[in-house]
Amino acid sequence: MYLASMVIALFNFYNTFVDVNGVDELTPQGYEASGVRLSTQGYCPPAEK
């Protein structure tokens, strides 16, 4: 129960942080591009060239 409460609190914190800092929501095209990138590269940063 405590772990579930912590996860909910962290999501609430993250969403509030994003809203306060003016981060725009992704467009449908942005979600699609993000899905393509995540499916091929995962969450790792791009490799330096």
N, C-alpha and C. Protein backbone atom coordinates (compact mmCIF):
# COMPACT_ATOMS: atom_id res chain seq x y z
N MET A 1 0.82 -1.18 0.00
CA MET A 1 0.00 0.00 0.00
C MET A 1 0.87 1.26 0.00
N TYR A 2 1.93 1.23 0.80
CA TYR A 2 2.81 2.39 0.87
C TYR A 2 3.52 2.63 -0.46
N LEU A 3 3.92 1.56 -1.11
CA LEU A 3 4.60 1.69 -2.40
C LEU A 3 3.66 2.28 -3.44
N ALA A 4 2.43 1.84 -3.47
CA ALA A 4 1.46 2.39 -4.42
C ALA A 4 1.22 3.87 -4.14
N SER A 5 1.13 4.24 -2.87
CA SER A 5 0.95 5.66 -2.52
C SER A 5 2.15 6.48 -2.96
N MET A 6 3.35 5.93 -2.81
CA MET A 6 4.56 6.64 -3.22
C MET A 6 4.58 6.84 -4.74
N VAL A 7 4.20 5.83 -5.50
CA VAL A 7 4.17 5.95 -6.96
C VAL A 7 3.18 7.02 -7.38
N ILE A 8 2.01 7.04 -6.76
CA ILE A 8 1.01 8.05 -7.08
C ILE A 8 1.53 9.44 -6.75
N ALA A 9 2.18 9.60 -5.60
CA ALA A 9 2.73 10.88 -5.20
C ALA A 9 3.82 11.34 -6.16
N LEU A 10 4.65 10.42 -6.63
CA LEU A 10 5.71 10.78 -7.57
C LEU A 10 5.14 11.21 -8.91
N PHE A 11 4.11 10.53 -9.39
CA PHE A 11 3.46 10.94 -10.64
C PHE A 11 2.85 12.33 -10.49
N ASN A 12 2.22 12.57 -9.34
CA ASN A 12 1.64 13.88 -9.07
C ASN A 12 2.73 14.95 -9.06
N PHE A 13 3.85 14.67 -8.41
CA PHE A 13 4.97 15.61 -8.37
C PHE A 13 5.48 15.88 -9.79
N TYR A 14 5.70 14.83 -10.56
CA TYR A 14 6.22 14.99 -11.92
C TYR A 14 5.27 15.82 -12.78
N ASN A 15 3.99 15.49 -12.74
CA ASN A 15 3.01 16.22 -13.55
C ASN A 15 2.95 17.69 -13.15
N THR A 16 2.99 17.98 -11.85
CA THR A 16 2.99 19.36 -11.38
C THR A 16 4.26 20.07 -11.83
N PHE A 17 5.40 19.43 -11.72
CA PHE A 17 6.68 20.00 -12.14
C PHE A 17 6.65 20.36 -13.62
N VAL A 18 6.14 19.46 -14.44
CA VAL A 18 6.06 19.69 -15.88
C VAL A 18 5.12 20.85 -16.17
N ASP A 19 3.96 20.89 -15.52
CA ASP A 19 2.99 21.96 -15.74
C ASP A 19 3.56 23.32 -15.33
N VAL A 20 4.20 23.38 -14.18
CA VAL A 20 4.74 24.65 -13.67
C VAL A 20 5.83 25.19 -14.58
N ASN A 21 6.60 24.31 -15.19
CA ASN A 21 7.70 24.74 -16.04
C ASN A 21 7.30 24.96 -17.49
N GLY A 22 6.02 24.87 -17.78
CA GLY A 22 5.51 25.23 -19.10
C GLY A 22 5.85 24.26 -20.21
N VAL A 23 6.01 22.99 -19.88
CA VAL A 23 6.28 22.00 -20.91
C VAL A 23 4.99 21.71 -21.65
N ASP A 24 5.01 21.86 -22.95
CA ASP A 24 3.82 21.61 -23.76
C ASP A 24 3.56 20.12 -23.91
N GLU A 25 2.28 19.77 -24.08
CA GLU A 25 1.93 18.38 -24.35
C GLU A 25 2.40 18.01 -25.75
N LEU A 26 2.73 16.73 -25.91
CA LEU A 26 3.13 16.25 -27.23
C LEU A 26 1.93 16.19 -28.16
N THR A 27 2.18 16.47 -29.41
CA THR A 27 1.16 16.29 -30.44
C THR A 27 1.09 14.80 -30.78
N PRO A 28 0.06 14.36 -31.49
CA PRO A 28 0.03 12.95 -31.92
C PRO A 28 1.28 12.56 -32.72
N GLN A 29 1.78 13.49 -33.54
CA GLN A 29 3.01 13.21 -34.31
C GLN A 29 4.21 13.08 -33.37
N GLY A 30 4.22 13.89 -32.31
CA GLY A 30 5.31 13.80 -31.33
C GLY A 30 5.32 12.47 -30.61
N TYR A 31 4.11 11.99 -30.23
CA TYR A 31 4.02 10.68 -29.60
C TYR A 31 4.48 9.58 -30.54
N GLU A 32 4.11 9.69 -31.80
CA GLU A 32 4.52 8.68 -32.78
C GLU A 32 6.04 8.67 -32.95
N ALA A 33 6.63 9.86 -33.08
CA ALA A 33 8.08 9.95 -33.23
C ALA A 33 8.78 9.43 -31.98
N SER A 34 8.24 9.73 -30.81
CA SER A 34 8.82 9.24 -29.57
C SER A 34 8.75 7.72 -29.50
N GLY A 35 7.63 7.16 -29.92
CA GLY A 35 7.48 5.71 -29.93
C GLY A 35 8.48 5.03 -30.86
N VAL A 36 8.70 5.63 -32.02
CA VAL A 36 9.68 5.08 -32.97
C VAL A 36 11.07 5.12 -32.36
N ARG A 37 11.43 6.27 -31.76
CA ARG A 37 12.76 6.40 -31.16
C ARG A 37 12.93 5.43 -30.01
N LEU A 38 11.92 5.34 -29.12
CA LEU A 38 12.04 4.44 -27.98
C LEU A 38 12.11 2.98 -28.40
N SER A 39 11.40 2.61 -29.46
CA SER A 39 11.41 1.21 -29.90
C SER A 39 12.74 0.81 -30.51
N THR A 40 13.50 1.78 -31.01
CA THR A 40 14.79 1.44 -31.62
C THR A 40 15.98 1.75 -30.73
N GLN A 41 15.86 2.78 -29.86
CA GLN A 41 17.00 3.20 -29.04
C GLN A 41 16.76 3.07 -27.55
N GLY A 42 15.52 2.88 -27.13
CA GLY A 42 15.21 2.82 -25.71
C GLY A 42 15.34 4.20 -25.08
N TYR A 43 15.60 4.22 -23.80
CA TYR A 43 15.68 5.49 -23.07
C TYR A 43 17.10 6.05 -23.01
N CYS A 44 18.04 5.38 -23.65
CA CYS A 44 19.43 5.87 -23.64
C CYS A 44 19.54 7.15 -24.46
N PRO A 45 20.44 8.06 -24.04
CA PRO A 45 20.65 9.26 -24.85
C PRO A 45 21.27 8.89 -26.19
N PRO A 46 21.08 9.74 -27.21
CA PRO A 46 21.69 9.45 -28.51
C PRO A 46 23.20 9.34 -28.41
N ALA A 47 23.77 8.44 -29.17
CA ALA A 47 25.22 8.27 -29.18
C ALA A 47 25.88 9.51 -29.79
N GLU A 48 26.99 9.90 -29.19
CA GLU A 48 27.74 11.04 -29.74
C GLU A 48 28.44 10.62 -31.01
N LYS A 49 28.48 11.55 -31.96
CA LYS A 49 29.11 11.24 -33.25
C LYS A 49 30.52 11.75 -33.27
